PDB file of N, CA and C in Angstrom:
ATOM      1  N   MET A   1     -47.359 204.701-184.840  1.00  0.00           N
ATOM      2  CA  MET A   1     -48.080 204.948-186.123  1.00  0.00           C
ATOM      3  C   MET A   1     -47.468 203.625-187.640  1.00  0.00           C
ATOM      4  N   SER A   2     -48.040 203.488-188.747  1.00  0.00           N
ATOM      5  CA  SER A   2     -48.039 201.741-189.289  1.00  0.00           C
ATOM      6  C   SER A   2     -47.992 202.565-190.270  1.00  0.00           C
ATOM      7  N   GLY A   3     -47.443 202.166-191.216  1.00  0.00           N
ATOM      8  CA  GLY A   3     -47.167 202.726-192.539  1.00  0.00           C
ATOM      9  C   GLY A   3     -46.100 203.763-192.886  1.00  0.00           C
ATOM     10  N   PRO A   4     -46.004 204.437-194.061  1.00  0.00           N
ATOM     11  CA  PRO A   4     -45.223 205.386-193.829  1.00  0.00           C
ATOM     12  C   PRO A   4     -45.916 206.528-193.759  1.00  0.00           C
ATOM     13  N   GLU A   5     -44.408 207.449-193.419  1.00  0.00           N
ATOM     14  CA  GLU A   5     -44.214 208.859-192.928  1.00  0.00           C
ATOM     15  C   GLU A   5     -45.128 209.255-193.676  1.00  0.00           C
ATOM     16  N   ARG A   6     -46.460 210.435-193.397  1.00  0.00           N
ATOM     17  CA  ARG A   6     -47.067 210.873-194.240  1.00  0.00           C
ATOM     18  C   ARG A   6     -46.453 212.358-194.470  1.00  0.00           C
ATOM     19  N   ARG A   7     -45.696 213.211-193.114  1.00  0.00           N
ATOM     20  CA  ARG A   7     -46.342 214.533-192.458  1.00  0.00           C
ATOM     21  C   ARG A   7     -44.896 215.268-193.936  1.00  0.00           C
ATOM     22  N   ARG A   8     -45.197 215.945-193.935  1.00  0.00           N
ATOM     23  CA  ARG A   8     -44.465 217.437-194.751  1.00  0.00           C
ATOM     24  C   ARG A   8     -43.144 217.796-194.481  1.00  0.00           C
ATOM     25  N   TYR A   9     -42.660 217.896-193.088  1.00  0.00           N
ATOM     26  CA  TYR A   9     -41.225 218.227-192.694  1.00  0.00           C
ATOM     27  C   TYR A   9     -40.991 217.206-191.715  1.00  0.00           C
ATOM     28  N   PRO A  10     -39.728 216.873-191.096  1.00  0.00           N
ATOM     29  CA  PRO A  10     -39.048 215.792-190.366  1.00  0.00           C
ATOM     30  C   PRO A  10     -39.716 216.155-189.005  1.00  0.00           C
ATOM     31  N   ARG A  11     -39.891 215.388-188.385  1.00  0.00           N
ATOM     32  CA  ARG A  11     -40.183 215.964-187.005  1.00  0.00           C
ATOM     33  C   ARG A  11     -39.201 215.812-185.936  1.00  0.00           C
ATOM     34  N   HIS A  12     -39.319 216.930-185.051  1.00  0.00           N
ATOM     35  CA  HIS A  12     -37.143 216.561-184.157  1.00  0.00           C
ATOM     36  C   HIS A  12     -38.359 216.364-182.686  1.00  0.00           C
ATOM     37  N   ARG A  13     -37.694 215.272-182.220  1.00  0.00           N
ATOM     38  CA  ARG A  13     -37.804 215.186-180.674  1.00  0.00           C
ATOM     39  C   ARG A  13     -36.910 216.097-179.568  1.00  0.00           C
ATOM     40  N   VAL A  14     -37.061 216.902-179.157  1.00  0.00           N
ATOM     41  CA  VAL A  14     -36.816 218.055-177.976  1.00  0.00           C
ATOM     42  C   VAL A  14     -37.521 218.028-176.776  1.00  0.00           C
ATOM     43  N   ARG A  15     -37.471 218.076-175.944  1.00  0.00           N
ATOM     44  CA  ARG A  15     -38.128 218.537-174.573  1.00  0.00           C
ATOM     45  C   ARG A  15     -37.946 220.051-174.033  1.00  0.00           C
ATOM     46  N   LEU A  16     -38.517 221.451-174.455  1.00  0.00           N
ATOM     47  CA  LEU A  16     -38.538 222.535-174.383  1.00  0.00           C
ATOM     48  C   LEU A  16     -39.861 223.149-173.631  1.00  0.00           C
ATOM     49  N   ARG A  17     -39.049 223.941-172.274  1.00  0.00           N
ATOM     50  CA  ARG A  17     -40.497 224.234-171.853  1.00  0.00           C
ATOM     51  C   ARG A  17     -40.454 226.086-172.343  1.00  0.00           C
ATOM     52  N   ILE A  18     -41.908 226.446-172.440  1.00  0.00           N
ATOM     53  CA  ILE A  18     -41.965 227.045-172.955  1.00  0.00           C
ATOM     54  C   ILE A  18     -43.080 227.988-172.097  1.00  0.00           C
ATOM     55  N   GLN A  19     -44.232 229.328-172.465  1.00  0.00           N
ATOM     56  CA  GLN A  19     -45.009 230.001-171.784  1.00  0.00           C
ATOM     57  C   GLN A  19     -45.559 230.991-172.684  1.00  0.00           C
ATOM     58  N   PHE A  20     -46.878 230.702-172.782  1.00  0.00           N
ATOM     59  CA  PHE A  20     -47.918 231.144-173.992  1.00  0.00           C
ATOM     60  C   PHE A  20     -49.069 231.762-173.418  1.00  0.00           C
ATOM     61  N   LEU A  21     -49.144 233.127-173.468  1.00  0.00           N
ATOM     62  CA  LEU A  21     -50.584 233.446-173.816  1.00  0.00           C
ATOM     63  C   LEU A  21     -51.486 233.190-174.147  1.00  0.00           C
ATOM     64  N   ARG A  22     -52.777 233.003-173.041  1.00  0.00           N
ATOM     65  CA  ARG A  22     -53.364 232.428-173.284  1.00  0.00           C
ATOM     66  C   ARG A  22     -54.710 233.488-172.009  1.00  0.00           C
ATOM     67  N   GLY A  23     -55.406 234.792-173.484  1.00  0.00           N
ATOM     68  CA  GLY A  23     -55.906 235.817-172.851  1.00  0.00           C
ATOM     69  C   GLY A  23     -54.586 236.972-172.695  1.00  0.00           C
ATOM     70  N   ASP A  24     -55.049 236.715-170.892  1.00  0.00           N
ATOM     71  CA  ASP A  24     -53.991 237.948-169.786  1.00  0.00           C
ATOM     72  C   ASP A  24     -53.337 236.437-169.081  1.00  0.00           C
ATOM     73  N   ALA A  25     -53.110 235.939-169.490  1.00  0.00           N
ATOM     74  CA  ALA A  25     -52.526 234.677-168.820  1.00  0.00           C
ATOM     75  C   ALA A  25     -51.559 234.272-169.033  1.00  0.00           C
ATOM     76  N   GLU A  26     -50.479 233.749-168.188  1.00  0.00           N
ATOM     77  CA  GLU A  26     -49.256 233.517-168.851  1.00  0.00           C
ATOM     78  C   GLU A  26     -49.365 231.668-168.621  1.00  0.00           C
ATOM     79  N   VAL A  27     -49.170 231.013-169.648  1.00  0.00           N
ATOM     80  CA  VAL A  27     -49.411 229.399-169.430  1.00  0.00           C
ATOM     81  C   VAL A  27     -48.316 228.660-169.969  1.00  0.00           C
ATOM     82  N   ALA A  28     -47.960 227.476-168.492  1.00  0.00           N
ATOM     83  CA  ALA A  28     -46.401 226.638-168.903  1.00  0.00           C
ATOM     84  C   ALA A  28     -47.005 225.489-169.722  1.00  0.00           C
ATOM     85  N   ALA A  29     -46.504 225.169-170.463  1.00  0.00           N
ATOM     86  CA  ALA A  29     -46.348 224.142-171.116  1.00  0.00           C
ATOM     87  C   ALA A  29     -44.653 223.335-171.532  1.00  0.00           C
ATOM     88  N   GLU A  30     -45.074 222.518-172.331  1.00  0.00           N
ATOM     89  CA  GLU A  30     -43.572 221.723-173.413  1.00  0.00           C
ATOM     90  C   GLU A  30     -43.005 220.976-174.390  1.00  0.00           C
ATOM     91  N   ILE A  31     -42.691 220.701-174.759  1.00  0.00           N
ATOM     92  CA  ILE A  31     -42.722 221.010-176.027  1.00  0.00           C
ATOM     93  C   ILE A  31     -42.217 219.477-176.536  1.00  0.00           C
ATOM     94  N   PHE A  32     -42.550 218.287-176.853  1.00  0.00           N
ATOM     95  CA  PHE A  32     -42.303 217.592-176.891  1.00  0.00           C
ATOM     96  C   PHE A  32     -41.478 217.036-178.335  1.00  0.00           C
ATOM     97  N   ASN A  33     -42.263 216.988-179.602  1.00  0.00           N
ATOM     98  CA  ASN A  33     -41.525 216.983-180.837  1.00  0.00           C
ATOM     99  C   ASN A  33     -42.066 218.696-181.398  1.00  0.00           C
ATOM    100  N   ILE A  34     -41.286 218.779-182.710  1.00  0.00           N
ATOM    101  CA  ILE A  34     -41.253 220.097-183.691  1.00  0.00           C
ATOM    102  C   ILE A  34     -40.675 219.616-184.627  1.00  0.00           C
ATOM    103  N   SER A  35     -41.127 220.439-185.450  1.00  0.00           N
ATOM    104  CA  SER A  35     -41.289 220.841-187.555  1.00  0.00           C
ATOM    105  C   SER A  35     -41.079 221.624-187.755  1.00  0.00           C
ATOM    106  N   ARG A  36     -41.381 221.803-189.483  1.00  0.00           N
ATOM    107  CA  ARG A  36     -41.313 223.254-189.747  1.00  0.00           C
ATOM    108  C   ARG A  36     -42.588 223.671-188.881  1.00  0.00           C
ATOM    109  N   SER A  37     -43.764 222.502-189.702  1.00  0.00           N
ATOM    110  CA  SER A  37     -45.002 223.492-189.003  1.00  0.00           C
ATOM    111  C   SER A  37     -45.697 223.193-188.268  1.00  0.00           C
ATOM    112  N   GLY A  38     -45.150 222.422-187.789  1.00  0.00           N
ATOM    113  CA  GLY A  38     -45.971 222.596-185.806  1.00  0.00           C
ATOM    114  C   GLY A  38     -45.208 221.985-184.564  1.00  0.00           C
ATOM    115  N   CYS A  39     -45.849 221.651-183.452  1.00  0.00           N
ATOM    116  CA  CYS A  39     -45.049 220.494-182.415  1.00  0.00           C
ATOM    117  C   CYS A  39     -46.225 220.205-181.849  1.00  0.00           C
ATOM    118  N   LEU A  40     -45.858 219.215-180.884  1.00  0.00           N
ATOM    119  CA  LEU A  40     -46.980 218.588-179.891  1.00  0.00           C
ATOM    120  C   LEU A  40     -46.774 219.102-178.848  1.00  0.00           C
ATOM    121  N   PHE A  41     -46.876 219.777-177.924  1.00  0.00           N
ATOM    122  CA  PHE A  41     -47.089 220.520-176.644  1.00  0.00           C
ATOM    123  C   PHE A  41     -47.861 219.285-175.448  1.00  0.00           C
ATOM    124  N   VAL A  42     -47.494 219.691-174.160  1.00  0.00           N
ATOM    125  CA  VAL A  42     -48.250 219.257-172.807  1.00  0.00           C
ATOM    126  C   VAL A  42     -48.795 220.287-172.583  1.00  0.00           C
ATOM    127  N   THR A  43     -49.843 220.680-171.821  1.00  0.00           N
ATOM    128  CA  THR A  43     -50.223 221.762-170.947  1.00  0.00           C
ATOM    129  C   THR A  43     -50.935 221.345-170.223  1.00  0.00           C
ATOM    130  N   PRO A  44     -51.528 222.098-169.122  1.00  0.00           N
ATOM    131  CA  PRO A  44     -52.306 222.005-167.616  1.00  0.00           C
ATOM    132  C   PRO A  44     -53.725 222.324-167.878  1.00  0.00           C
ATOM    133  N   VAL A  45     -53.404 223.315-169.500  1.00  0.00           N
ATOM    134  CA  VAL A  45     -55.413 223.189-169.404  1.00  0.00           C
ATOM    135  C   VAL A  45     -55.378 222.957-170.535  1.00  0.00           C
ATOM    136  N   ALA A  46     -56.820 222.728-170.643  1.00  0.00           N
ATOM    137  CA  ALA A  46     -57.457 222.105-172.021  1.00  0.00           C
ATOM    138  C   ALA A  46     -57.569 223.350-172.722  1.00  0.00           C
ATOM    139  N   MET A  47     -57.227 223.299-174.295  1.00  0.00           N
ATOM    140  CA  MET A  47     -57.971 223.774-175.426  1.00  0.00           C
ATOM    141  C   MET A  47     -58.388 222.833-176.193  1.00  0.00           C
ATOM    142  N   ARG A  48     -58.580 224.072-177.114  1.00  0.00           N
ATOM    143  CA  ARG A  48     -60.170 223.904-178.175  1.00  0.00           C
ATOM    144  C   ARG A  48     -59.046 224.166-179.641  1.00  0.00           C
ATOM    145  N   PRO A  49     -60.060 223.319-180.265  1.00  0.00           N
ATOM    146  CA  PRO A  49     -59.601 222.843-182.447  1.00  0.00           C
ATOM    147  C   PRO A  49     -59.691 224.443-182.623  1.00  0.00           C
ATOM    148  N   GLY A  50     -58.690 225.186-183.815  1.00  0.00           N
ATOM    149  CA  GLY A  50     -59.149 226.359-183.538  1.00  0.00           C
ATOM    150  C   GLY A  50     -58.533 226.800-182.859  1.00  0.00           C
ATOM    151  N   GLU A  51     -58.380 227.280-181.647  1.00  0.00           N
ATOM    152  CA  GLU A  51     -57.791 228.333-181.010  1.00  0.00           C
ATOM    153  C   GLU A  51     -56.730 228.552-181.130  1.00  0.00           C
ATOM    154  N   ARG A  52     -56.329 229.749-180.875  1.00  0.00           N
ATOM    155  CA  ARG A  52     -54.757 230.635-181.738  1.00  0.00           C
ATOM    156  C   ARG A  52     -54.118 231.322-180.053  1.00  0.00           C
ATOM    157  N   VAL A  53     -52.779 230.483-179.783  1.00  0.00           N
ATOM    158  CA  VAL A  53     -52.286 231.416-178.701  1.00  0.00           C
ATOM    159  C   VAL A  53     -51.083 231.700-179.256  1.00  0.00           C
ATOM    160  N   GLU A  54     -50.164 233.108-178.591  1.00  0.00           N
ATOM    161  CA  GLU A  54     -48.883 233.597-179.118  1.00  0.00           C
ATOM    162  C   GLU A  54     -47.706 232.952-178.480  1.00  0.00           C
ATOM    163  N   VAL A  55     -46.883 232.670-178.707  1.00  0.00           N
ATOM    164  CA  VAL A  55     -45.972 231.520-178.036  1.00  0.00           C
ATOM    165  C   VAL A  55     -44.584 232.757-178.342  1.00  0.00           C
ATOM    166  N   HIS A  56     -43.641 232.750-177.540  1.00  0.00           N
ATOM    167  CA  HIS A  56     -42.728 233.407-177.045  1.00  0.00           C
ATOM    168  C   HIS A  56     -41.514 232.035-177.599  1.00  0.00           C
ATOM    169  N   LEU A  57     -40.768 232.273-178.582  1.00  0.00           N
ATOM    170  CA  LEU A  57     -40.049 231.462-178.926  1.00  0.00           C
ATOM    171  C   LEU A  57     -38.270 231.406-179.496  1.00  0.00           C
ATOM    172  N   PRO A  58     -37.792 232.040-178.430  1.00  0.00           N
ATOM    173  CA  PRO A  58     -36.415 233.227-178.273  1.00  0.00           C
ATOM    174  C   PRO A  58     -35.358 231.748-179.259  1.00  0.00           C
ATOM    175  N   TRP A  59     -35.212 230.820-178.825  1.00  0.00           N
ATOM    176  CA  TRP A  59     -34.126 230.122-179.659  1.00  0.00           C
ATOM    177  C   TRP A  59     -34.394 229.382-180.494  1.00  0.00           C
ATOM    178  N   LEU A  60     -35.815 230.075-181.288  1.00  0.00           N
ATOM    179  CA  LEU A  60     -35.987 230.195-183.073  1.00  0.00           C
ATOM    180  C   LEU A  60     -35.627 231.190-183.525  1.00  0.00           C
ATOM    181  N   GLY A  61     -35.162 232.636-182.695  1.00  0.00           N
ATOM    182  CA  GLY A  61     -35.084 234.179-183.416  1.00  0.00           C
ATOM    183  C   GLY A  61     -36.103 234.569-183.892  1.00  0.00           C
ATOM    184  N   ARG A  62     -37.602 233.912-183.384  1.00  0.00           N
ATOM    185  CA  ARG A  62     -38.876 234.564-184.111  1.00  0.00           C
ATOM    186  C   ARG A  62     -39.873 234.792-182.516  1.00  0.00           C
ATOM    187  N   SER A  63     -40.393 236.234-182.757  1.00  0.00           N
ATOM    188  CA  SER A  63     -40.802 236.070-181.269  1.00  0.00           C
ATOM    189  C   SER A  63     -41.781 237.285-181.728  1.00  0.00           C
ATOM    190  N   PRO A  64     -43.291 237.069-181.487  1.00  0.00           N
ATOM    191  CA  PRO A  64     -44.108 236.049-180.779  1.00  0.00           C
ATOM    192  C   PRO A  64     -44.151 235.078-182.108  1.00  0.00           C
ATOM    193  N   GLN A  65     -44.752 233.840-181.802  1.00  0.00           N
ATOM    194  CA  GLN A  65     -45.301 232.666-182.643  1.00  0.00           C
ATOM    195  C   GLN A  65     -46.258 232.467-182.542  1.00  0.00           C
ATOM    196  N   THR A  66     -47.363 232.642-183.289  1.00  0.00           N
ATOM    197  CA  THR A  66     -48.221 231.969-183.507  1.00  0.00           C
ATOM    198  C   THR A  66     -48.604 230.352-183.344  1.00  0.00           C
ATOM    199  N   PHE A  67     -48.950 229.500-182.298  1.00  0.00           N
ATOM    200  CA  PHE A  67     -50.071 228.128-182.934  1.00  0.00           C
ATOM    201  C   PHE A  67     -50.593 228.416-182.877  1.00  0.00           C
ATOM    202  N   SER A  68     -51.853 227.790-183.725  1.00  0.00           N
ATOM    203  CA  SER A  68     -52.884 227.327-183.999  1.00  0.00           C
ATOM    204  C   SER A  68     -53.106 226.363-184.028  1.00  0.00           C
ATOM    205  N   VAL A  69     -54.373 225.256-182.925  1.00  0.00           N
ATOM    206  CA  VAL A  69     -54.744 224.344-182.352  1.00  0.00           C
ATOM    207  C   VAL A  69     -55.651 223.250-182.901  1.00  0.00           C
ATOM    208  N   VAL A  70     -54.085 222.438-183.614  1.00  0.00           N
ATOM    209  CA  VAL A  70     -54.905 221.347-184.490  1.00  0.00           C
ATOM    210  C   VAL A  70     -56.371 219.991-183.690  1.00  0.00           C
ATOM    211  N   ARG A  71     -55.194 219.536-182.358  1.00  0.00           N
ATOM    212  CA  ARG A  71     -56.305 218.689-182.053  1.00  0.00           C
ATOM    213  C   ARG A  71     -55.987 218.734-180.644  1.00  0.00           C
ATOM    214  N   THR A  72     -56.797 218.377-179.745  1.00  0.00           N
ATOM    215  CA  THR A  72     -56.363 217.746-177.850  1.00  0.00           C
ATOM    216  C   THR A  72     -57.108 216.555-177.231  1.00  0.00           C
ATOM    217  N   ARG A  73     -55.919 216.507-176.943  1.00  0.00           N
ATOM    218  CA  ARG A  73     -56.678 215.108-176.365  1.00  0.00           C
ATOM    219  C   ARG A  73     -55.653 214.951-174.387  1.00  0.00           C
ATOM    220  N   PRO A  74     -56.885 214.413-173.352  1.00  0.00           N
ATOM    221  CA  PRO A  74     -56.385 214.524-172.375  1.00  0.00           C
ATOM    222  C   PRO A  74     -55.467 213.091-171.731  1.00  0.00           C
ATOM    223  N   VAL A  75     -54.241 213.345-171.272  1.00  0.00           N
ATOM    224  CA  VAL A  75     -53.533 212.493-170.965  1.00  0.00           C
ATOM    225  C   VAL A  75     -53.270 212.256-169.224  1.00  0.00           C
ATOM    226  N   GLY A  76     -54.085 211.935-168.601  1.00  0.00           N
ATOM    227  CA  GLY A  76     -53.456 212.414-166.681  1.00  0.00           C
ATOM    228  C   GLY A  76     -53.824 213.694-166.747  1.00  0.00           C
ATOM    229  N   PRO A  77     -53.610 213.939-166.343  1.00  0.00           N
ATOM    230  CA  PRO A  77     -54.112 215.543-165.655  1.00  0.00           C
ATOM    231  C   PRO A  77     -53.707 216.309-166.769  1.00  0.00           C
ATOM    232  N   TRP A  78     -53.197 216.379-167.644  1.00  0.00           N
ATOM    233  CA  TRP A  78     -52.804 217.475-168.590  1.00  0.00           C
ATOM    234  C   TRP A  78     -53.523 217.426-170.139  1.00  0.00           C
ATOM    235  N   PHE A  79     -53.004 217.396-170.734  1.00  0.00           N
ATOM    236  CA  PHE A  79     -53.476 218.016-172.010  1.00  0.00           C
ATOM    237  C   PHE A  79     -52.315 218.265-172.927  1.00  0.00           C
ATOM    238  N   ALA A  80     -52.405 216.734-174.289  1.00  0.00           N
ATOM    239  CA  ALA A  80     -51.226 216.629-175.174  1.00  0.00           C
ATOM    240  C   ALA A  80     -52.512 217.387-176.123  1.00  0.00           C
ATOM    241  N   VAL A  81     -51.330 218.412-177.326  1.00  0.00           N
ATOM    242  CA  VAL A  81     -51.766 219.222-177.978  1.00  0.00           C
ATOM    243  C   VAL A  81     -51.119 218.975-179.155  1.00  0.00           C
ATOM    244  N   ALA A  82     -51.492 219.395-180.367  1.00  0.00           N
ATOM    245  CA  ALA A  82     -51.311 219.531-181.478  1.00  0.00           C
ATOM    246  C   ALA A  82     -50.685 220.708-182.069  1.00  0.00           C
ATOM    247  N   ALA A  83     -50.447 221.628-182.620  1.00  0.00           N
ATOM    248  CA  ALA A  83     -50.411 222.382-183.258  1.00  0.00           C
ATOM    249  C   ALA A  83     -49.837 223.136-184.551  1.00  0.00           C
ATOM    250  N   ASP A  84     -50.375 223.865-185.264  1.00  0.00           N
ATOM    251  CA  ASP A  84     -50.012 224.349-186.041  1.00  0.00           C
ATOM    252  C   ASP A  84     -49.148 225.396-186.341  1.00  0.00           C
ATOM    253  N   PHE A  85     -47.611 225.520-186.641  1.00  0.00           N
ATOM    254  CA  PHE A  85     -47.231 227.272-186.450  1.00  0.00           C
ATOM    255  C   PHE A  85     -48.331 227.743-187.466  1.00  0.00           C
ATOM    256  N   GLU A  86     -48.071 229.275-187.442  1.00  0.00           N
ATOM    257  CA  GLU A  86     -48.398 230.255-188.477  1.00  0.00           C
ATOM    258  C   GLU A  86     -48.133 231.587-188.453  1.00  0.00           C
ATOM    259  N   PRO A  87     -46.604 232.192-189.315  1.00  0.00           N
ATOM    260  CA  PRO A  87     -46.932 230.710-190.784  1.00  0.00           C
ATOM    261  C   PRO A  87     -45.532 229.876-190.688  1.00  0.00           C
ATOM    262  N   TYR A  88     -44.912 228.823-191.264  1.00  0.00           N
ATOM    263  CA  TYR A  88     -44.591 227.718-190.382  1.00  0.00           C
ATOM    264  C   TYR A  88     -43.186 228.317-190.159  1.00  0.00           C
ATOM    265  N   LEU A  89     -42.019 227.594-189.894  1.00  0.00           N
ATOM    266  CA  LEU A  89     -40.688 227.932-189.660  1.00  0.00           C
ATOM    267  C   LEU A  89     -39.629 227.663-191.038  1.00  0.00           C
ATOM    268  N   ILE A  90     -39.284 228.721-191.830  1.00  0.00           N
ATOM    269  CA  ILE A  90     -38.825 228.771-193.272  1.00  0.00           C
ATOM    270  C   ILE A  90     -37.321 227.878-193.273  1.00  0.00           C
ATOM    271  N   ASP A  91     -36.427 227.714-192.115  1.00  0.00           N
ATOM    272  CA  ASP A  91     -35.744 226.828-191.802  1.00  0.00           C
ATOM    273  C   ASP A  91     -35.500 226.001-190.669  1.00  0.00           C
ATOM    274  N   ASP A  92     -35.279 224.873-190.949  1.00  0.00           N
ATOM    275  CA  ASP A  92     -34.770 222.927-190.250  1.00  0.00           C
ATOM    276  C   ASP A  92     -33.756 223.755-189.492  1.00  0.00           C
ATOM    277  N   ALA A  93     -32.524 224.005-189.850  1.00  0.00           N
ATOM    278  CA  ALA A  93     -31.180 224.087-189.238  1.00  0.00           C
ATOM    279  C   ALA A  93     -31.082 224.696-187.459  1.00  0.00           C
ATOM    280  N   PRO A  94     -32.006 225.508-187.106  1.00  0.00           N
ATOM    281  CA  PRO A  94     -32.766 225.793-185.824  1.00  0.00           C
ATOM    282  C   PRO A  94     -32.605 224.259-185.004  1.00  0.00           C
ATOM    283  N   LEU A  95     -33.988 223.780-185.393  1.00  0.00           N
ATOM    284  CA  LEU A  95     -34.567 222.289-184.789  1.00  0.00           C
ATOM    285  C   LEU A  95     -33.385 221.388-185.086  1.00  0.00           C
ATOM    286  N   VAL A  96     -32.693 221.083-185.797  1.00  0.00           N
ATOM    287  CA  VAL A  96     -31.780 219.838-186.013  1.00  0.00           C
ATOM    288  C   VAL A  96     -30.810 220.258-184.635  1.00  0.00           C
ATOM    289  N   GLU A  97     -30.302 221.480-184.667  1.00  0.00           N
ATOM    290  CA  GLU A  97     -29.616 222.029-183.213  1.00  0.00           C
ATOM    291  C   GLU A  97     -30.264 221.577-182.363  1.00  0.00           C
ATOM    292  N   LEU A  98     -31.533 222.166-181.943  1.00  0.00           N
ATOM    293  CA  LEU A  98     -32.515 221.805-180.857  1.00  0.00           C
ATOM    294  C   LEU A  98     -31.741 220.420-180.173  1.00  0.00           C
ATOM    295  N   ALA A  99     -33.088 219.810-181.620  1.00  0.00           N
ATOM    296  CA  ALA A  99     -32.744 218.162-181.219  1.00  0.00           C
ATOM    297  C   ALA A  99     -31.748 217.637-181.082  1.00  0.00           C
ATOM    298  N   GLY A 100     -30.697 217.854-181.498  1.00  0.00           N
ATOM    299  CA  GLY A 100     -28.903 217.565-181.222  1.00  0.00           C
ATOM    300  C   GLY A 100     -28.560 217.875-179.564  1.00  0.00           C
ATOM    301  N   GLN A 101     -29.186 218.928-178.703  1.00  0.00           N
ATOM    302  CA  GLN A 101     -29.114 218.711-177.797  1.00  0.00           C
ATOM    303  C   GLN A 101     -29.750 217.888-176.486  1.00  0.00           C
ATOM    304  N   ASP A 102     -28.872 217.186-175.436  1.00  0.00           N
ATOM    305  CA  ASP A 102     -29.927 216.221-174.686  1.00  0.00           C
ATOM    306  C   ASP A 102     -30.611 217.029-173.827  1.00  0.00           C
ATOM    307  N   PRO A 103     -32.464 216.357-174.066  1.00  0.00           N
ATOM    308  CA  PRO A 103     -33.584 216.781-173.690  1.00  0.00           C
ATOM    309  C   PRO A 103     -33.476 216.330-173.046  1.00  0.00           C
ATOM    310  N   GLY A 104     -33.350 215.180-172.269  1.00  0.00           N
ATOM    311  CA  GLY A 104     -33.670 214.017-171.200  1.00  0.00           C
ATOM    312  C   GLY A 104     -34.176 213.379-171.539  1.00  0.00           C
ATOM    313  N   PRO A 105     -35.051 212.446-170.725  1.00  0.00           N
ATOM    314  CA  PRO A 105     -35.727 211.418-171.400  1.00  0.00           C
ATOM    315  C   PRO A 105     -36.675 211.352-172.506  1.00  0.00           C
ATOM    316  N   HIS A 106     -36.567 210.569-173.404  1.00  0.00           N
ATOM    317  CA  HIS A 106     -37.194 210.535-174.755  1.00  0.00           C
ATOM    318  C   HIS A 106     -38.470 210.375-174.724  1.00  0.00           C
ATOM    319  N   GLU A 107     -39.327 209.904-173.605  1.00  0.00           N
ATOM    320  CA  GLU A 107     -40.449 209.369-173.752  1.00  0.00           C
ATOM    321  C   GLU A 107     -41.917 210.487-174.616  1.00  0.00           C
ATOM    322  N   ASP A 108     -42.591 209.860-174.907  1.00  0.00           N
ATOM    323  CA  ASP A 108     -44.098 210.697-175.436  1.00  0.00           C
ATOM    324  C   ASP A 108     -44.150 210.870-174.323  1.00  0.00           C
ATOM    325  N   PRO A 109     -45.050 211.975-174.316  1.00  0.00           N
ATOM    326  CA  PRO A 109     -46.192 212.454-173.088  1.00  0.00           C
ATOM    327  C   PRO A 109     -46.763 211.644-172.727  1.00  0.00           C
ATOM    328  N   GLU A 110     -47.480 210.399-173.848  1.00  0.00           N
ATOM    329  CA  GLU A 110     -48.080 209.211-173.022  1.00  0.00           C
ATOM    330  C   GLU A 110     -48.034 208.565-171.851  1.00  0.00           C
ATOM    331  N   GLN A 111     -46.623 208.254-172.337  1.00  0.00           N
ATOM    332  CA  GLN A 111     -45.172 207.094-171.802  1.00  0.00           C
ATOM    333  C   GLN A 111     -45.215 207.972-170.346  1.00  0.00           C
ATOM    334  N   LEU A 112     -45.201 209.558-170.139  1.00  0.00           N
ATOM    335  CA  LEU A 112     -44.996 210.263-168.725  1.00  0.00           C
ATOM    336  C   LEU A 112     -45.768 210.390-167.742  1.00  0.00           C
ATOM    337  N   PHE A 113     -47.038 210.292-168.468  1.00  0.00           N
ATOM    338  CA  PHE A 113     -48.236 210.203-167.352  1.00  0.00           C
ATOM    339  C   PHE A 113     -49.225 209.452-166.779  1.00  0.00           C
TER     340      PHE A 113
END
C-alpha cells in the first residue's frame, strides 16, 4: 500500500491456525495478520461479503468471536478473506504478544501460493 497508513488499529503479522463454523461444518483457516478490528485469513472455501462465521480464539480469551467478511479474493486454490471482528477486540496486548512469537515465514498469502 502506498501513502500513509489509514487503518484505525495497528496490524500485527501472525500465523495462527483456526477453525470456524460455517453452518454445521468446521472449516480450517490460517490468520496472516490481525488487529483489534479484524484480520486477514486464508481458507479453502469461497466466502461472500457480509457472511458471518463463529471462530474460537482461545489465545485471546474470547470464545466465540464473530467474523464478518468484508472482502474475499482467490489466491491460487485458496481464498484470502478480510474480516471484521464483531465486536472489536478491546485490548491490543494479546495481539502484540502473539506477533512476538515466531510465526514462521513472513510471506503474505499471495506470496505463498
